[in-house]
Amino acid sequence: MTYFALLLTRYKRENWKSIFAESFTGKLHIPKGPSQYLILDRPHFMEVKSKGKMVDNLEVDECERLKFKEKIKKLIYRKENLYRFLACLDSTRWYNEEMPYLAGKSDQIKTFF
């Protein structure tokens, strides 16, 4: 969903709200973005744990988490990774026929649903 929001704000600034709202009501293809550019700062499993479906404790030492976070940030924020991510955004926009709302083919949006 993060990747979808980035696509809309990068390529459809003028009508991103209507397309984003449609993603919750209609049949709209939501693209998957490259996960190597996203970082989950800390796990949030309390809802699953409170329903009794999870028995393992996922406690992480805060010092270890911060060390790992600093180490991985250096890898994620390299300039070539930014170029790859932007290339992925461009290829999703121009080469995926399941998302006509990104390519500006407004007549196809109505028939897509």
PDB file of N, CA and C in Angstrom:
ATOM      1  N   MET A   1       0.822  -1.192   0.000  1.00  0.00           N
ATOM      2  CA  MET A   1       0.000   0.000   0.000  1.00  0.00           C
ATOM      3  C   MET A   1       0.869   1.260   0.000  1.00  0.00           C
ATOM      4  N   THR A   2       2.033   1.180   0.615  1.00  0.00           N
ATOM      5  CA  THR A   2       2.956   2.313   0.606  1.00  0.00           C
ATOM      6  C   THR A   2       3.397   2.624  -0.814  1.00  0.00           C
ATOM      7  N   TYR A   3       3.707   1.575  -1.562  1.00  0.00           N
ATOM      8  CA  TYR A   3       4.143   1.737  -2.951  1.00  0.00           C
ATOM      9  C   TYR A   3       3.020   2.351  -3.797  1.00  0.00           C
ATOM     10  N   PHE A   4       1.799   1.908  -3.558  1.00  0.00           N
ATOM     11  CA  PHE A   4       0.625   2.438  -4.265  1.00  0.00           C
ATOM     12  C   PHE A   4       0.471   3.934  -3.987  1.00  0.00           C
ATOM     13  N   ALA A   5       0.616   4.327  -2.727  1.00  0.00           N
ATOM     14  CA  ALA A   5       0.512   5.747  -2.367  1.00  0.00           C
ATOM     15  C   ALA A   5       1.612   6.568  -3.038  1.00  0.00           C
ATOM     16  N   LEU A   6       2.817   6.019  -3.108  1.00  0.00           N
ATOM     17  CA  LEU A   6       3.913   6.718  -3.786  1.00  0.00           C
ATOM     18  C   LEU A   6       3.641   6.868  -5.275  1.00  0.00           C
ATOM     19  N   LEU A   7       3.115   5.826  -5.898  1.00  0.00           N
ATOM     20  CA  LEU A   7       2.786   5.908  -7.325  1.00  0.00           C
ATOM     21  C   LEU A   7       1.763   7.011  -7.588  1.00  0.00           C
ATOM     22  N   LEU A   8       0.734   7.055  -6.759  1.00  0.00           N
ATOM     23  CA  LEU A   8      -0.314   8.059  -6.964  1.00  0.00           C
ATOM     24  C   LEU A   8       0.197   9.477  -6.754  1.00  0.00           C
ATOM     25  N   THR A   9       0.970   9.685  -5.720  1.00  0.00           N
ATOM     26  CA  THR A   9       1.446  11.045  -5.464  1.00  0.00           C
ATOM     27  C   THR A   9       2.512  11.480  -6.460  1.00  0.00           C
ATOM     28  N   ARG A  10       3.214  10.519  -7.041  1.00  0.00           N
ATOM     29  CA  ARG A  10       4.242  10.875  -8.031  1.00  0.00           C
ATOM     30  C   ARG A  10       3.636  11.137  -9.407  1.00  0.00           C
ATOM     31  N   TYR A  11       2.644  10.333  -9.811  1.00  0.00           N
ATOM     32  CA  TYR A  11       2.148  10.414 -11.183  1.00  0.00           C
ATOM     33  C   TYR A  11       0.728  10.955 -11.325  1.00  0.00           C
ATOM     34  N   LYS A  12      -0.047  10.953 -10.261  1.00  0.00           N
ATOM     35  CA  LYS A  12      -1.445  11.392 -10.345  1.00  0.00           C
ATOM     36  C   LYS A  12      -1.779  12.386  -9.246  1.00  0.00           C
ATOM     37  N   ARG A  13      -0.988  13.411  -9.137  1.00  0.00           N
ATOM     38  CA  ARG A  13      -1.194  14.403  -8.073  1.00  0.00           C
ATOM     39  C   ARG A  13      -2.551  15.084  -8.163  1.00  0.00           C
ATOM     40  N   GLU A  14      -3.053  15.288  -9.380  1.00  0.00           N
ATOM     41  CA  GLU A  14      -4.295  16.046  -9.541  1.00  0.00           C
ATOM     42  C   GLU A  14      -5.535  15.271  -9.090  1.00  0.00           C
ATOM     43  N   ASN A  15      -5.526  13.948  -9.151  1.00  0.00           N
ATOM     44  CA  ASN A  15      -6.721  13.196  -8.742  1.00  0.00           C
ATOM     45  C   ASN A  15      -6.369  11.958  -7.924  1.00  0.00           C
ATOM     46  N   TRP A  16      -5.352  12.024  -7.110  1.00  0.00           N
ATOM     47  CA  TRP A  16      -4.934  10.871  -6.325  1.00  0.00           C
ATOM     48  C   TRP A  16      -5.976  10.469  -5.289  1.00  0.00           C
ATOM     49  N   LYS A  17      -6.720  11.428  -4.757  1.00  0.00           N
ATOM     50  CA  LYS A  17      -7.699  11.116  -3.714  1.00  0.00           C
ATOM     51  C   LYS A  17      -8.805  10.203  -4.222  1.00  0.00           C
ATOM     52  N   SER A  18      -9.302  10.463  -5.416  1.00  0.00           N
ATOM     53  CA  SER A  18     -10.387   9.631  -5.945  1.00  0.00           C
ATOM     54  C   SER A  18      -9.899   8.222  -6.270  1.00  0.00           C
ATOM     55  N   ILE A  19      -8.692   8.096  -6.807  1.00  0.00           N
ATOM     56  CA  ILE A  19      -8.154   6.766  -7.114  1.00  0.00           C
ATOM     57  C   ILE A  19      -7.871   6.004  -5.825  1.00  0.00           C
ATOM     58  N   PHE A  20      -7.319   6.687  -4.822  1.00  0.00           N
ATOM     59  CA  PHE A  20      -7.031   6.035  -3.546  1.00  0.00           C
ATOM     60  C   PHE A  20      -8.326   5.581  -2.875  1.00  0.00           C
ATOM     61  N   ALA A  21      -9.353   6.407  -2.911  1.00  0.00           N
ATOM     62  CA  ALA A  21     -10.643   6.032  -2.323  1.00  0.00           C
ATOM     63  C   ALA A  21     -11.238   4.835  -3.048  1.00  0.00           C
ATOM     64  N   GLU A  22     -11.060   4.774  -4.362  1.00  0.00           N
ATOM     65  CA  GLU A  22     -11.575   3.652  -5.158  1.00  0.00           C
ATOM     66  C   GLU A  22     -10.908   2.337  -4.773  1.00  0.00           C
ATOM     67  N   SER A  23      -9.692   2.396  -4.273  1.00  0.00           N
ATOM     68  CA  SER A  23      -8.982   1.166  -3.909  1.00  0.00           C
ATOM     69  C   SER A  23      -9.660   0.440  -2.752  1.00  0.00           C
ATOM     70  N   PHE A  24     -10.465   1.135  -1.959  1.00  0.00           N
ATOM     71  CA  PHE A  24     -11.159   0.503  -0.846  1.00  0.00           C
ATOM     72  C   PHE A  24     -12.570   0.054  -1.206  1.00  0.00           C
ATOM     73  N   THR A  25     -13.104   0.518  -2.325  1.00  0.00           N
ATOM     74  CA  THR A  25     -14.483   0.182  -2.670  1.00  0.00           C
ATOM     75  C   THR A  25     -14.609  -0.690  -3.907  1.00  0.00           C
ATOM     76  N   GLY A  26     -13.753  -0.509  -4.874  1.00  0.00           N
ATOM     77  CA  GLY A  26     -13.859  -1.248  -6.127  1.00  0.00           C
ATOM     78  C   GLY A  26     -12.746  -2.247  -6.303  1.00  0.00           C
ATOM     79  N   LYS A  27     -12.766  -2.876  -7.453  1.00  0.00           N
ATOM     80  CA  LYS A  27     -11.712  -3.828  -7.785  1.00  0.00           C
ATOM     81  C   LYS A  27     -10.598  -3.058  -8.487  1.00  0.00           C
ATOM     82  N   LEU A  28      -9.558  -2.790  -7.746  1.00  0.00           N
ATOM     83  CA  LEU A  28      -8.453  -2.000  -8.264  1.00  0.00           C
ATOM     84  C   LEU A  28      -7.155  -2.745  -7.976  1.00  0.00           C
ATOM     85  N   HIS A  29      -6.336  -2.924  -8.983  1.00  0.00           N
ATOM     86  CA  HIS A  29      -5.072  -3.636  -8.806  1.00  0.00           C
ATOM     87  C   HIS A  29      -4.095  -2.755  -8.028  1.00  0.00           C
ATOM     88  N   ILE A  30      -3.654  -3.248  -6.878  1.00  0.00           N
ATOM     89  CA  ILE A  30      -2.680  -2.536  -6.057  1.00  0.00           C
ATOM     90  C   ILE A  30      -1.322  -3.194  -6.301  1.00  0.00           C
ATOM     91  N   PRO A  31      -0.367  -2.471  -6.859  1.00  0.00           N
ATOM     92  CA  PRO A  31       0.933  -3.075  -7.162  1.00  0.00           C
ATOM     93  C   PRO A  31       1.763  -3.333  -5.908  1.00  0.00           C
ATOM     94  N   LYS A  32       2.581  -4.358  -5.998  1.00  0.00           N
ATOM     95  CA  LYS A  32       3.509  -4.657  -4.910  1.00  0.00           C
ATOM     96  C   LYS A  32       4.824  -3.952  -5.192  1.00  0.00           C
ATOM     97  N   GLY A  33       5.318  -3.270  -4.211  1.00  0.00           N
ATOM     98  CA  GLY A  33       6.589  -2.570  -4.360  1.00  0.00           C
ATOM     99  C   GLY A  33       7.752  -3.420  -3.892  1.00  0.00           C
ATOM    100  N   PRO A  34       8.948  -3.018  -4.234  1.00  0.00           N
ATOM    101  CA  PRO A  34      10.132  -3.755  -3.788  1.00  0.00           C
ATOM    102  C   PRO A  34      10.331  -3.607  -2.280  1.00  0.00           C
ATOM    103  N   SER A  35      10.378  -4.707  -1.589  1.00  0.00           N
ATOM    104  CA  SER A  35      10.436  -4.666  -0.122  1.00  0.00           C
ATOM    105  C   SER A  35      11.804  -4.292   0.426  1.00  0.00           C
ATOM    106  N   GLN A  36      12.846  -4.411  -0.373  1.00  0.00           N
ATOM    107  CA  GLN A  36      14.175  -4.107   0.159  1.00  0.00           C
ATOM    108  C   GLN A  36      14.361  -2.628   0.467  1.00  0.00           C
ATOM    109  N   TYR A  37      13.427  -1.781   0.069  1.00  0.00           N
ATOM    110  CA  TYR A  37      13.542  -0.350   0.340  1.00  0.00           C
ATOM    111  C   TYR A  37      12.662   0.095   1.501  1.00  0.00           C
ATOM    112  N   LEU A  38      11.974  -0.838   2.119  1.00  0.00           N
ATOM    113  CA  LEU A  38      11.118  -0.517   3.259  1.00  0.00           C
ATOM    114  C   LEU A  38      11.710  -1.130   4.519  1.00  0.00           C
ATOM    115  N   ILE A  39      11.533  -0.465   5.619  1.00  0.00           N
ATOM    116  CA  ILE A  39      12.036  -0.998   6.882  1.00  0.00           C
ATOM    117  C   ILE A  39      10.923  -0.925   7.922  1.00  0.00           C
ATOM    118  N   LEU A  40      10.686  -2.040   8.588  1.00  0.00           N
ATOM    119  CA  LEU A  40       9.729  -2.094   9.687  1.00  0.00           C
ATOM    120  C   LEU A  40      10.510  -1.796  10.961  1.00  0.00           C
ATOM    121  N   ASP A  41      10.230  -0.665  11.545  1.00  0.00           N
ATOM    122  CA  ASP A  41      11.017  -0.214  12.694  1.00  0.00           C
ATOM    123  C   ASP A  41      10.885  -1.152  13.887  1.00  0.00           C
ATOM    124  N   ARG A  42       9.688  -1.570  14.169  1.00  0.00           N
ATOM    125  CA  ARG A  42       9.484  -2.527  15.263  1.00  0.00           C
ATOM    126  C   ARG A  42       8.219  -3.328  14.972  1.00  0.00           C
ATOM    127  N   PRO A  43       8.192  -4.599  15.356  1.00  0.00           N
ATOM    128  CA  PRO A  43       7.016  -5.430  15.077  1.00  0.00           C
ATOM    129  C   PRO A  43       5.832  -5.034  15.960  1.00  0.00           C
ATOM    130  N   HIS A  44       4.651  -5.127  15.389  1.00  0.00           N
ATOM    131  CA  HIS A  44       3.414  -4.816  16.111  1.00  0.00           C
ATOM    132  C   HIS A  44       2.485  -6.021  15.999  1.00  0.00           C
ATOM    133  N   PHE A  45       2.549  -6.906  16.973  1.00  0.00           N
ATOM    134  CA  PHE A  45       1.750  -8.124  16.932  1.00  0.00           C
ATOM    135  C   PHE A  45       0.793  -8.229  18.116  1.00  0.00           C
ATOM    136  N   MET A  46       0.538  -7.149  18.806  1.00  0.00           N
ATOM    137  CA  MET A  46      -0.283  -7.225  20.014  1.00  0.00           C
ATOM    138  C   MET A  46      -1.713  -7.656  19.725  1.00  0.00           C
ATOM    139  N   GLU A  47      -2.293  -7.242  18.603  1.00  0.00           N
ATOM    140  CA  GLU A  47      -3.666  -7.637  18.288  1.00  0.00           C
ATOM    141  C   GLU A  47      -3.756  -9.145  18.091  1.00  0.00           C
ATOM    142  N   VAL A  48      -2.817  -9.711  17.360  1.00  0.00           N
ATOM    143  CA  VAL A  48      -2.797 -11.159  17.143  1.00  0.00           C
ATOM    144  C   VAL A  48      -2.530 -11.878  18.455  1.00  0.00           C
ATOM    145  N   LYS A  49      -1.610 -11.345  19.243  1.00  0.00           N
ATOM    146  CA  LYS A  49      -1.257 -11.966  20.512  1.00  0.00           C
ATOM    147  C   LYS A  49      -2.436 -11.936  21.482  1.00  0.00           C
ATOM    148  N   SER A  50      -3.196 -10.849  21.499  1.00  0.00           N
ATOM    149  CA  SER A  50      -4.318 -10.727  22.426  1.00  0.00           C
ATOM    150  C   SER A  50      -5.474 -11.656  22.069  1.00  0.00           C
ATOM    151  N   LYS A  51      -5.551 -12.099  20.817  1.00  0.00           N
ATOM    152  CA  LYS A  51      -6.606 -13.033  20.412  1.00  0.00           C
ATOM    153  C   LYS A  51      -6.229 -14.480  20.711  1.00  0.00           C
ATOM    154  N   GLY A  52      -5.040 -14.694  21.251  1.00  0.00           N
ATOM    155  CA  GLY A  52      -4.631 -16.038  21.630  1.00  0.00           C
ATOM    156  C   GLY A  52      -4.097 -16.878  20.489  1.00  0.00           C
ATOM    157  N   LYS A  53      -3.804 -16.279  19.355  1.00  0.00           N
ATOM    158  CA  LYS A  53      -3.317 -17.034  18.205  1.00  0.00           C
ATOM    159  C   LYS A  53      -1.793 -17.088  18.157  1.00  0.00           C
ATOM    160  N   MET A  54      -1.150 -16.436  19.091  1.00  0.00           N
ATOM    161  CA  MET A  54       0.300 -16.369  19.062  1.00  0.00           C
ATOM    162  C   MET A  54       0.834 -16.616  20.465  1.00  0.00           C
ATOM    163  N   VAL A  55       1.757 -17.545  20.573  1.00  0.00           N
ATOM    164  CA  VAL A  55       2.275 -17.868  21.898  1.00  0.00           C
ATOM    165  C   VAL A  55       3.719 -17.423  22.084  1.00  0.00           C
ATOM    166  N   ASP A  56       4.438 -17.175  20.999  1.00  0.00           N
ATOM    167  CA  ASP A  56       5.836 -16.764  21.101  1.00  0.00           C
ATOM    168  C   ASP A  56       5.942 -15.302  21.507  1.00  0.00           C
ATOM    169  N   ASN A  57       6.934 -15.028  22.306  1.00  0.00           N
ATOM    170  CA  ASN A  57       7.202 -13.659  22.704  1.00  0.00           C
ATOM    171  C   ASN A  57       8.228 -13.076  21.736  1.00  0.00           C
ATOM    172  N   LEU A  58       7.938 -11.948  21.132  1.00  0.00           N
ATOM    173  CA  LEU A  58       8.819 -11.341  20.149  1.00  0.00           C
ATOM    174  C   LEU A  58       9.560 -10.138  20.720  1.00  0.00           C
ATOM    175  N   GLU A  59       9.970 -10.236  21.941  1.00  0.00           N
ATOM    176  CA  GLU A  59      10.719  -9.151  22.562  1.00  0.00           C
ATOM    177  C   GLU A  59      12.084  -9.031  21.887  1.00  0.00           C
ATOM    178  N   VAL A  60      12.467  -7.808  21.580  1.00  0.00           N
ATOM    179  CA  VAL A  60      13.751  -7.538  20.952  1.00  0.00           C
ATOM    180  C   VAL A  60      14.502  -6.549  21.831  1.00  0.00           C
ATOM    181  N   ASP A  61      15.764  -6.846  22.069  1.00  0.00           N
ATOM    182  CA  ASP A  61      16.593  -5.949  22.862  1.00  0.00           C
ATOM    183  C   ASP A  61      16.715  -4.610  22.137  1.00  0.00           C
ATOM    184  N   GLU A  62      16.390  -3.529  22.825  1.00  0.00           N
ATOM    185  CA  GLU A  62      16.374  -2.197  22.210  1.00  0.00           C
ATOM    186  C   GLU A  62      17.748  -1.788  21.683  1.00  0.00           C
ATOM    187  N   CYS A  63      18.789  -2.115  22.408  1.00  0.00           N
ATOM    188  CA  CYS A  63      20.148  -1.773  21.973  1.00  0.00           C
ATOM    189  C   CYS A  63      20.503  -2.514  20.676  1.00  0.00           C
ATOM    190  N   GLU A  64      20.159  -3.793  20.614  1.00  0.00           N
ATOM    191  CA  GLU A  64      20.418  -4.586  19.402  1.00  0.00           C
ATOM    192  C   GLU A  64      19.593  -4.070  18.221  1.00  0.00           C
ATOM    193  N   ARG A  65      18.360  -3.687  18.490  1.00  0.00           N
ATOM    194  CA  ARG A  65      17.494  -3.168  17.434  1.00  0.00           C
ATOM    195  C   ARG A  65      18.068  -1.881  16.849  1.00  0.00           C
ATOM    196  N   LEU A  66      18.531  -0.993  17.701  1.00  0.00           N
ATOM    197  CA  LEU A  66      19.103   0.269  17.227  1.00  0.00           C
ATOM    198  C   LEU A  66      20.396   0.061  16.442  1.00  0.00           C
ATOM    199  N   LYS A  67      21.229  -0.887  16.891  1.00  0.00           N
ATOM    200  CA  LYS A  67      22.463  -1.184  16.150  1.00  0.00           C
ATOM    201  C   LYS A  67      22.138  -1.725  14.759  1.00  0.00           C
ATOM    202  N   PHE A  68      21.171  -2.642  14.707  1.00  0.00           N
ATOM    203  CA  PHE A  68      20.785  -3.212  13.418  1.00  0.00           C
ATOM    204  C   PHE A  68      20.171  -2.146  12.516  1.00  0.00           C
ATOM    205  N   LYS A  69      19.360  -1.290  13.102  1.00  0.00           N
ATOM    206  CA  LYS A  69      18.705  -0.226  12.339  1.00  0.00           C
ATOM    207  C   LYS A  69      19.735   0.709  11.700  1.00  0.00           C
ATOM    208  N   GLU A  70      20.743   1.090  12.434  1.00  0.00           N
ATOM    209  CA  GLU A  70      21.790   1.957  11.880  1.00  0.00           C
ATOM    210  C   GLU A  70      22.572   1.253  10.778  1.00  0.00           C
ATOM    211  N   LYS A  71      22.802  -0.025  10.966  1.00  0.00           N
ATOM    212  CA  LYS A  71      23.545  -0.801   9.965  1.00  0.00           C
ATOM    213  C   LYS A  71      22.746  -0.927   8.667  1.00  0.00           C
ATOM    214  N   ILE A  72      21.460  -1.219   8.788  1.00  0.00           N
ATOM    215  CA  ILE A  72      20.635  -1.435   7.593  1.00  0.00           C
ATOM    216  C   ILE A  72      20.309  -0.122   6.889  1.00  0.00           C
ATOM    217  N   LYS A  73      20.179   0.970   7.639  1.00  0.00           N
ATOM    218  CA  LYS A  73      19.892   2.270   7.019  1.00  0.00           C
ATOM    219  C   LYS A  73      20.984   2.681   6.045  1.00  0.00           C
ATOM    220  N   LYS A  74      22.233   2.381   6.392  1.00  0.00           N
ATOM    221  CA  LYS A  74      23.343   2.714   5.499  1.00  0.00           C
ATOM    222  C   LYS A  74      23.204   1.991   4.166  1.00  0.00           C
ATOM    223  N   LEU A  75      22.681   0.782   4.201  1.00  0.00           N
ATOM    224  CA  LEU A  75      22.496   0.016   2.970  1.00  0.00           C
ATOM    225  C   LEU A  75      21.279   0.490   2.183  1.00  0.00           C
ATOM    226  N   ILE A  76      20.220   0.816   2.887  1.00  0.00           N
ATOM    227  CA  ILE A  76      18.981   1.228   2.220  1.00  0.00           C
ATOM    228  C   ILE A  76      19.125   2.594   1.564  1.00  0.00           C
ATOM    229  N   TYR A  77      19.770   3.531   2.222  1.00  0.00           N
ATOM    230  CA  TYR A  77      19.824   4.909   1.742  1.00  0.00           C
ATOM    231  C   TYR A  77      20.958   5.204   0.768  1.00  0.00           C
ATOM    232  N   ARG A  78      21.517   4.183   0.158  1.00  0.00           N
ATOM    233  CA  ARG A  78      22.539   4.422  -0.862  1.00  0.00           C
ATOM    234  C   ARG A  78      21.882   4.994  -2.109  1.00  0.00           C
ATOM    235  N   LYS A  79      22.622   5.810  -2.827  1.00  0.00           N
ATOM    236  CA  LYS A  79      22.096   6.511  -3.998  1.00  0.00           C
ATOM    237  C   LYS A  79      21.623   5.540  -5.087  1.00  0.00           C
ATOM    238  N   GLU A  80      22.347   4.443  -5.310  1.00  0.00           N
ATOM    239  CA  GLU A  80      21.933   3.499  -6.357  1.00  0.00           C
ATOM    240  C   GLU A  80      20.622   2.804  -6.013  1.00  0.00           C
ATOM    241  N   ASN A  81      20.325   2.645  -4.715  1.00  0.00           N
ATOM    242  CA  ASN A  81      19.035   2.082  -4.328  1.00  0.00           C
ATOM    243  C   ASN A  81      17.896   3.034  -4.660  1.00  0.00           C
ATOM    244  N   LEU A  82      18.129   4.317  -4.484  1.00  0.00           N
ATOM    245  CA  LEU A  82      17.122   5.310  -4.850  1.00  0.00           C
ATOM    246  C   LEU A  82      16.851   5.257  -6.347  1.00  0.00           C
ATOM    247  N   TYR A  83      17.900   5.159  -7.144  1.00  0.00           N
ATOM    248  CA  TYR A  83      17.727   5.067  -8.596  1.00  0.00           C
ATOM    249  C   TYR A  83      16.947   3.814  -8.984  1.00  0.00           C
ATOM    250  N   ARG A  84      17.233   2.695  -8.325  1.00  0.00           N
ATOM    251  CA  ARG A  84      16.504   1.447  -8.617  1.00  0.00           C
ATOM    252  C   ARG A  84      15.032   1.575  -8.238  1.00  0.00           C
ATOM    253  N   PHE A  85      14.779   2.213  -7.093  1.00  0.00           N
ATOM    254  CA  PHE A  85      13.398   2.381  -6.655  1.00  0.00           C
ATOM    255  C   PHE A  85      12.625   3.270  -7.628  1.00  0.00           C
ATOM    256  N   LEU A  86      13.234   4.370  -8.064  1.00  0.00           N
ATOM    257  CA  LEU A  86      12.572   5.254  -9.027  1.00  0.00           C
ATOM    258  C   LEU A  86      12.368   4.551 -10.366  1.00  0.00           C
ATOM    259  N   ALA A  87      13.306   3.721 -10.776  1.00  0.00           N
ATOM    260  CA  ALA A  87      13.144   2.943 -12.007  1.00  0.00           C
ATOM    261  C   ALA A  87      11.989   1.960 -11.869  1.00  0.00           C
ATOM    262  N   CYS A  88      11.828   1.407 -10.679  1.00  0.00           N
ATOM    263  CA  CYS A  88      10.707   0.493 -10.432  1.00  0.00           C
ATOM    264  C   CYS A  88       9.379   1.246 -10.524  1.00  0.00           C
ATOM    265  N   LEU A  89       9.327   2.455  -9.976  1.00  0.00           N
ATOM    266  CA  LEU A  89       8.112   3.269 -10.092  1.00  0.00           C
ATOM    267  C   LEU A  89       7.773   3.526 -11.559  1.00  0.00           C
ATOM    268  N   ASP A  90       8.775   3.906 -12.342  1.00  0.00           N
ATOM    269  CA  ASP A  90       8.543   4.184 -13.762  1.00  0.00           C
ATOM    270  C   ASP A  90       8.102   2.944 -14.519  1.00  0.00           C
ATOM    271  N   SER A  91       8.716   1.806 -14.243  1.00  0.00           N
ATOM    272  CA  SER A  91       8.341   0.595 -14.975  1.00  0.00           C
ATOM    273  C   SER A  91       6.934   0.140 -14.604  1.00  0.00           C
ATOM    274  N   THR A  92       6.538   0.346 -13.352  1.00  0.00           N
ATOM    275  CA  THR A  92       5.176  -0.007 -12.953  1.00  0.00           C
ATOM    276  C   THR A  92       4.168   0.867 -13.682  1.00  0.00           C
ATOM    277  N   ARG A  93       4.490   2.131 -13.810  1.00  0.00           N
ATOM    278  CA  ARG A  93       3.554   3.055 -14.448  1.00  0.00           C
ATOM    279  C   ARG A  93       3.373   2.749 -15.929  1.00  0.00           C
ATOM    280  N   TRP A  94       4.441   2.492 -16.633  1.00  0.00           N
ATOM    281  CA  TRP A  94       4.364   2.397 -18.087  1.00  0.00           C
ATOM    282  C   TRP A  94       4.184   0.988 -18.629  1.00  0.00           C
ATOM    283  N   TYR A  95       4.510  -0.032 -17.865  1.00  0.00           N
ATOM    284  CA  TYR A  95       4.507  -1.372 -18.435  1.00  0.00           C
ATOM    285  C   TYR A  95       3.503  -2.318 -17.814  1.00  0.00           C
ATOM    286  N   ASN A  96       2.607  -1.849 -16.994  1.00  0.00           N
ATOM    287  CA  ASN A  96       1.632  -2.739 -16.392  1.00  0.00           C
ATOM    288  C   ASN A  96       0.238  -2.354 -16.871  1.00  0.00           C
ATOM    289  N   GLU A  97      -0.336  -3.194 -17.696  1.00  0.00           N
ATOM    290  CA  GLU A  97      -1.657  -2.910 -18.276  1.00  0.00           C
ATOM    291  C   GLU A  97      -2.797  -3.061 -17.276  1.00  0.00           C
ATOM    292  N   GLU A  98      -2.535  -3.640 -16.119  1.00  0.00           N
ATOM    293  CA  GLU A  98      -3.586  -3.796 -15.112  1.00  0.00           C
ATOM    294  C   GLU A  98      -3.838  -2.513 -14.327  1.00  0.00           C
ATOM    295  N   MET A  99      -3.053  -1.488 -14.575  1.00  0.00           N
ATOM    296  CA  MET A  99      -3.202  -0.229 -13.853  1.00  0.00           C
ATOM    297  C   MET A  99      -3.354   0.943 -14.812  1.00  0.00           C
ATOM    298  N   PRO A 100      -4.436   0.990 -15.571  1.00  0.00           N
ATOM    299  CA  PRO A 100      -4.605   2.092 -16.530  1.00  0.00           C
ATOM    300  C   PRO A 100      -4.744   3.447 -15.849  1.00  0.00           C
ATOM    301  N   TYR A 101      -5.124   3.465 -14.586  1.00  0.00           N
ATOM    302  CA  TYR A 101      -5.278   4.735 -13.877  1.00  0.00           C
ATOM    303  C   TYR A 101      -3.940   5.454 -13.716  1.00  0.00           C
ATOM    304  N   LEU A 102      -2.829   4.740 -13.794  1.00  0.00           N
ATOM    305  CA  LEU A 102      -1.516   5.378 -13.695  1.00  0.00           C
ATOM    306  C   LEU A 102      -1.026   5.912 -15.028  1.00  0.00           C
ATOM    307  N   ALA A 103      -1.397   5.252 -16.108  1.00  0.00           N
ATOM    308  CA  ALA A 103      -0.916   5.649 -17.428  1.00  0.00           C
ATOM    309  C   ALA A 103      -1.749   6.772 -18.027  1.00  0.00           C
ATOM    310  N   GLY A 104      -2.808   7.179 -17.343  1.00  0.00           N
ATOM    311  CA  GLY A 104      -3.627   8.276 -17.837  1.00  0.00           C
ATOM    312  C   GLY A 104      -4.689   7.841 -18.820  1.00  0.00           C
ATOM    313  N   LYS A 105      -4.984   6.558 -18.865  1.00  0.00           N
ATOM    314  CA  LYS A 105      -6.008   6.053 -19.784  1.00  0.00           C
ATOM    315  C   LYS A 105      -7.352   6.063 -19.061  1.00  0.00           C
ATOM    316  N   SER A 106      -7.932   7.219 -18.920  1.00  0.00           N
ATOM    317  CA  SER A 106      -9.144   7.364 -18.106  1.00  0.00           C
ATOM    318  C   SER A 106     -10.330   6.602 -18.673  1.00  0.00           C
ATOM    319  N   ASP A 107     -10.387   6.392 -19.993  1.00  0.00           N
ATOM    320  CA  ASP A 107     -11.510   5.656 -20.560  1.00  0.00           C
ATOM    321  C   ASP A 107     -11.462   4.184 -20.169  1.00  0.00           C
ATOM    322  N   GLN A 108     -10.289   3.658 -19.873  1.00  0.00           N
ATOM    323  CA  GLN A 108     -10.172   2.266 -19.472  1.00  0.00           C
ATOM    324  C   GLN A 108     -10.490   2.060 -17.998  1.00  0.00           C
ATOM    325  N   ILE A 109     -10.441   3.100 -17.225  1.00  0.00           N
ATOM    326  CA  ILE A 109     -10.700   2.955 -15.797  1.00  0.00           C
ATOM    327  C   ILE A 109     -12.131   2.497 -15.563  1.00  0.00           C
ATOM    328  N   LYS A 110     -13.075   3.042 -16.310  1.00  0.00           N
ATOM    329  CA  LYS A 110     -14.477   2.697 -16.113  1.00  0.00           C
ATOM    330  C   LYS A 110     -14.761   1.244 -16.468  1.00  0.00           C
ATOM    331  N   THR A 111     -14.103   0.722 -17.492  1.00  0.00           N
ATOM    332  CA  THR A 111     -14.354  -0.655 -17.900  1.00  0.00           C
ATOM    333  C   THR A 111     -13.552  -1.653 -17.088  1.00  0.00           C
ATOM    334  N   PHE A 112     -12.602  -1.176 -16.317  1.00  0.00           N
ATOM    335  CA  PHE A 112     -11.749  -2.070 -15.545  1.00  0.00           C
ATOM    336  C   PHE A 112     -12.497  -2.698 -14.383  1.00  0.00           C
ATOM    337  N   PHE A 113     -13.481  -1.996 -13.808  1.00  0.00           N
ATOM    338  CA  PHE A 113     -14.171  -2.478 -12.611  1.00  0.00           C
ATOM    339  C   PHE A 113     -15.307  -3.395 -12.942  1.00  0.00           C
TER     340      PHE A 113
END
